Amino acid sequence: MDIIAMTRELAKAIQADPRYINLTATREKNDADEKLQDQIGEFNLKRVELNQEVSKTDRDQEKLSRLDTAIKDLYREIMSNPNMIAFNDAKNEMDQLMNYINQILVLSVNGEDPDTIEPSSCTGSCSTCGGCH
């Protein structure tokens, strides 16, 4: 089996993993939550409105303050929605899995033994990294 075929098999295994299945299920719940979707839509509209107001030369500071408060309030409501909390938890679990898989691949390419690589707190961003060892 060539490396691309093996990668496709790995991708299928990832899609069969309970963490992926949970992420998909929580995403679908979010999509079906009409109140949450309305809040997200309203949040996005308020952000556009805020950006438009910020770009004006004669900004209305009172309007900016109201929009900023409204955006922060909507964000808190969105992030406290049980479906959004479940989605974020599932996404974090999936991100951890993908970071570990990526860590195994990168360290293996750099000569490490794939069978001995253990999960680390690597974020996957080399710009904030102090080194892999």
C-alpha atoms as a PDB file:
ATOM      1  CA  MET A   1       0.000   0.000   0.000  1.00  0.00           C
ATOM      2  CA  ASP A   2       1.448   3.382  -0.912  1.00  0.00           C
ATOM      3  CA  ILE A   3       1.624   6.298   1.503  1.00  0.00           C
ATOM      4  CA  ILE A   4      -1.374   8.131  -0.011  1.00  0.00           C
ATOM      5  CA  ALA A   5      -3.573   5.042   0.270  1.00  0.00           C
ATOM      6  CA  MET A   6      -2.426   4.638   3.872  1.00  0.00           C
ATOM      7  CA  THR A   7      -3.294   8.283   4.542  1.00  0.00           C
ATOM      8  CA  ARG A   8      -6.764   7.722   3.135  1.00  0.00           C
ATOM      9  CA  GLU A   9      -7.144   4.743   5.486  1.00  0.00           C
ATOM     10  CA  LEU A  10      -6.023   6.939   8.388  1.00  0.00           C
ATOM     11  CA  ALA A  11      -8.630   9.540   7.368  1.00  0.00           C
ATOM     12  CA  LYS A  12     -11.327   6.855   7.371  1.00  0.00           C
ATOM     13  CA  ALA A  13     -10.182   5.706  10.819  1.00  0.00           C
ATOM     14  CA  ILE A  14     -10.366   9.291  12.080  1.00  0.00           C
ATOM     15  CA  GLN A  15     -13.930   9.583  10.745  1.00  0.00           C
ATOM     16  CA  ALA A  16     -14.837   6.378  12.604  1.00  0.00           C
ATOM     17  CA  ASP A  17     -13.351   7.656  15.880  1.00  0.00           C
ATOM     18  CA  PRO A  18     -15.897   8.501  18.608  1.00  0.00           C
ATOM     19  CA  ARG A  19     -14.425  12.002  18.936  1.00  0.00           C
ATOM     20  CA  TYR A  20     -15.106  12.728  15.263  1.00  0.00           C
ATOM     21  CA  ILE A  21     -18.594  11.230  15.497  1.00  0.00           C
ATOM     22  CA  ASN A  22     -19.299  13.384  18.564  1.00  0.00           C
ATOM     23  CA  LEU A  23     -18.014  16.501  16.798  1.00  0.00           C
ATOM     24  CA  THR A  24     -20.275  15.827  13.825  1.00  0.00           C
ATOM     25  CA  ALA A  25     -23.289  15.208  16.070  1.00  0.00           C
ATOM     26  CA  THR A  26     -22.731  18.379  18.102  1.00  0.00           C
ATOM     27  CA  ARG A  27     -22.258  20.415  14.906  1.00  0.00           C
ATOM     28  CA  GLU A  28     -25.583  19.090  13.606  1.00  0.00           C
ATOM     29  CA  LYS A  29     -27.278  20.021  16.901  1.00  0.00           C
ATOM     30  CA  ASN A  30     -25.895  23.542  16.599  1.00  0.00           C
ATOM     31  CA  ASP A  31     -27.128  23.787  13.024  1.00  0.00           C
ATOM     32  CA  ALA A  32     -30.603  22.633  14.085  1.00  0.00           C
ATOM     33  CA  ASP A  33     -30.798  25.014  17.062  1.00  0.00           C
ATOM     34  CA  GLU A  34     -32.827  27.871  15.563  1.00  0.00           C
ATOM     35  CA  LYS A  35     -32.353  30.195  18.532  1.00  0.00           C
ATOM     36  CA  LEU A  36     -28.582  29.675  18.418  1.00  0.00           C
ATOM     37  CA  GLN A  37     -28.489  30.219  14.656  1.00  0.00           C
ATOM     38  CA  ASP A  38     -30.533  33.413  15.033  1.00  0.00           C
ATOM     39  CA  GLN A  39     -28.118  34.648  17.704  1.00  0.00           C
ATOM     40  CA  ILE A  40     -25.117  33.862  15.502  1.00  0.00           C
ATOM     41  CA  GLY A  41     -26.754  35.685  12.603  1.00  0.00           C
ATOM     42  CA  GLU A  42     -27.524  38.695  14.784  1.00  0.00           C
ATOM     43  CA  PHE A  43     -23.953  38.625  16.139  1.00  0.00           C
ATOM     44  CA  ASN A  44     -22.540  38.683  12.607  1.00  0.00           C
ATOM     45  CA  LEU A  45     -24.829  41.553  11.583  1.00  0.00           C
ATOM     46  CA  LYS A  46     -23.807  43.563  14.643  1.00  0.00           C
ATOM     47  CA  ARG A  47     -20.131  42.959  13.822  1.00  0.00           C
ATOM     48  CA  VAL A  48     -20.661  44.227  10.281  1.00  0.00           C
ATOM     49  CA  GLU A  49     -22.491  47.252  11.649  1.00  0.00           C
ATOM     50  CA  LEU A  50     -19.672  47.889  14.138  1.00  0.00           C
ATOM     51  CA  ASN A  51     -17.033  47.613  11.402  1.00  0.00           C
ATOM     52  CA  GLN A  52     -18.982  50.068   9.246  1.00  0.00           C
ATOM     53  CA  GLU A  53     -19.241  52.526  12.093  1.00  0.00           C
ATOM     54  CA  VAL A  54     -15.541  52.192  12.950  1.00  0.00           C
ATOM     55  CA  SER A  55     -14.558  52.928   9.347  1.00  0.00           C
ATOM     56  CA  LYS A  56     -16.481  56.227   9.311  1.00  0.00           C
ATOM     57  CA  THR A  57     -14.561  59.445   9.737  1.00  0.00           C
ATOM     58  CA  ASP A  58     -17.321  60.916  11.938  1.00  0.00           C
ATOM     59  CA  ARG A  59     -17.778  57.974  14.316  1.00  0.00           C
ATOM     60  CA  ASP A  60     -20.636  58.003  16.752  1.00  0.00           C
ATOM     61  CA  GLN A  61     -18.958  56.919  19.993  1.00  0.00           C
ATOM     62  CA  GLU A  62     -22.278  56.256  21.684  1.00  0.00           C
ATOM     63  CA  LYS A  63     -23.359  53.964  18.841  1.00  0.00           C
ATOM     64  CA  LEU A  64     -19.964  52.221  18.944  1.00  0.00           C
ATOM     65  CA  SER A  65     -20.377  51.632  22.653  1.00  0.00           C
ATOM     66  CA  ARG A  66     -23.920  50.241  22.211  1.00  0.00           C
ATOM     67  CA  LEU A  67     -22.785  47.937  19.400  1.00  0.00           C
ATOM     68  CA  ASP A  68     -19.781  46.764  21.403  1.00  0.00           C
ATOM     69  CA  THR A  69     -21.981  45.960  24.391  1.00  0.00           C
ATOM     70  CA  ALA A  70     -24.550  44.189  22.204  1.00  0.00           C
ATOM     71  CA  ILE A  71     -21.831  42.097  20.538  1.00  0.00           C
ATOM     72  CA  LYS A  72     -20.302  41.109  23.877  1.00  0.00           C
ATOM     73  CA  ASP A  73     -23.718  40.204  25.282  1.00  0.00           C
ATOM     74  CA  LEU A  74     -24.598  38.109  22.226  1.00  0.00           C
ATOM     75  CA  TYR A  75     -21.226  36.380  22.364  1.00  0.00           C
ATOM     76  CA  ARG A  76     -21.785  35.443  26.025  1.00  0.00           C
ATOM     77  CA  GLU A  77     -25.264  34.115  25.202  1.00  0.00           C
ATOM     78  CA  ILE A  78     -23.958  32.097  22.245  1.00  0.00           C
ATOM     79  CA  MET A  79     -21.067  30.634  24.206  1.00  0.00           C
ATOM     80  CA  SER A  80     -23.308  29.708  27.147  1.00  0.00           C
ATOM     81  CA  ASN A  81     -25.762  27.801  24.935  1.00  0.00           C
ATOM     82  CA  PRO A  82     -25.600  24.111  25.946  1.00  0.00           C
ATOM     83  CA  ASN A  83     -25.301  23.033  22.306  1.00  0.00           C
ATOM     84  CA  MET A  84     -22.399  25.427  21.745  1.00  0.00           C
ATOM     85  CA  ILE A  85     -20.686  24.268  24.938  1.00  0.00           C
ATOM     86  CA  ALA A  86     -20.996  20.637  23.811  1.00  0.00           C
ATOM     87  CA  PHE A  87     -19.683  21.548  20.343  1.00  0.00           C
ATOM     88  CA  ASN A  88     -16.690  23.420  21.755  1.00  0.00           C
ATOM     89  CA  ASP A  89     -15.864  20.495  24.062  1.00  0.00           C
ATOM     90  CA  ALA A  90     -16.103  18.064  21.131  1.00  0.00           C
ATOM     91  CA  LYS A  91     -13.996  20.367  18.945  1.00  0.00           C
ATOM     92  CA  ASN A  92     -11.316  20.609  21.638  1.00  0.00           C
ATOM     93  CA  GLU A  93     -11.173  16.815  21.902  1.00  0.00           C
ATOM     94  CA  MET A  94     -10.880  16.492  18.136  1.00  0.00           C
ATOM     95  CA  ASP A  95      -8.214  19.202  17.996  1.00  0.00           C
ATOM     96  CA  GLN A  96      -6.205  17.336  20.648  1.00  0.00           C
ATOM     97  CA  LEU A  97      -6.421  14.129  18.618  1.00  0.00           C
ATOM     98  CA  MET A  98      -5.356  15.891  15.424  1.00  0.00           C
ATOM     99  CA  ASN A  99      -2.487  17.651  17.211  1.00  0.00           C
ATOM    100  CA  TYR A 100      -1.263  14.292  18.526  1.00  0.00           C
ATOM    101  CA  ILE A 101      -1.510  12.683  15.083  1.00  0.00           C
ATOM    102  CA  ASN A 102       0.350  15.633  13.585  1.00  0.00           C
ATOM    103  CA  GLN A 103       2.969  15.423  16.334  1.00  0.00           C
ATOM    104  CA  ILE A 104       3.574  11.747  15.563  1.00  0.00           C
ATOM    105  CA  LEU A 105       3.985  12.510  11.858  1.00  0.00           C
ATOM    106  CA  VAL A 106       6.254  15.533  12.275  1.00  0.00           C
ATOM    107  CA  LEU A 107       8.477  13.944  14.900  1.00  0.00           C
ATOM    108  CA  SER A 108       8.707  10.754  12.860  1.00  0.00           C
ATOM    109  CA  VAL A 109       9.831  12.726   9.818  1.00  0.00           C
ATOM    110  CA  ASN A 110      12.480  14.256  12.080  1.00  0.00           C
ATOM    111  CA  GLY A 111      13.769  10.806  13.013  1.00  0.00           C
ATOM    112  CA  GLU A 112      11.837   9.979  16.179  1.00  0.00           C
ATOM    113  CA  ASP A 113      10.500   6.473  16.762  1.00  0.00           C
ATOM    114  CA  PRO A 114       6.728   6.655  16.039  1.00  0.00           C
ATOM    115  CA  ASP A 115       6.049   3.934  18.621  1.00  0.00           C
ATOM    116  CA  THR A 116       7.517   5.965  21.469  1.00  0.00           C
ATOM    117  CA  ILE A 117       5.992   9.395  20.792  1.00  0.00           C
ATOM    118  CA  GLU A 118       3.649  10.403  23.586  1.00  0.00           C
ATOM    119  CA  PRO A 119       1.106  13.236  23.518  1.00  0.00           C
ATOM    120  CA  SER A 120       2.432  16.640  24.517  1.00  0.00           C
ATOM    121  CA  SER A 121       0.902  20.030  25.051  1.00  0.00           C
ATOM    122  CA  CYS A 122       1.952  21.074  21.566  1.00  0.00           C
ATOM    123  CA  THR A 123      -0.523  23.495  20.049  1.00  0.00           C
ATOM    124  CA  GLY A 124       0.682  22.829  16.526  1.00  0.00           C
ATOM    125  CA  SER A 125       1.919  26.403  16.177  1.00  0.00           C
ATOM    126  CA  CYS A 126       5.675  26.528  15.817  1.00  0.00           C
ATOM    127  CA  SER A 127       5.640  30.318  16.262  1.00  0.00           C
ATOM    128  CA  THR A 128       4.921  29.947  19.981  1.00  0.00           C
ATOM    129  CA  CYS A 129       7.016  26.838  20.492  1.00  0.00           C
ATOM    130  CA  GLY A 130      10.144  26.524  22.608  1.00  0.00           C
ATOM    131  CA  GLY A 131      11.182  23.376  20.780  1.00  0.00           C
ATOM    132  CA  CYS A 132       9.960  19.850  20.287  1.00  0.00           C
ATOM    133  CA  HIS A 133      12.353  18.261  22.748  1.00  0.00           C
END
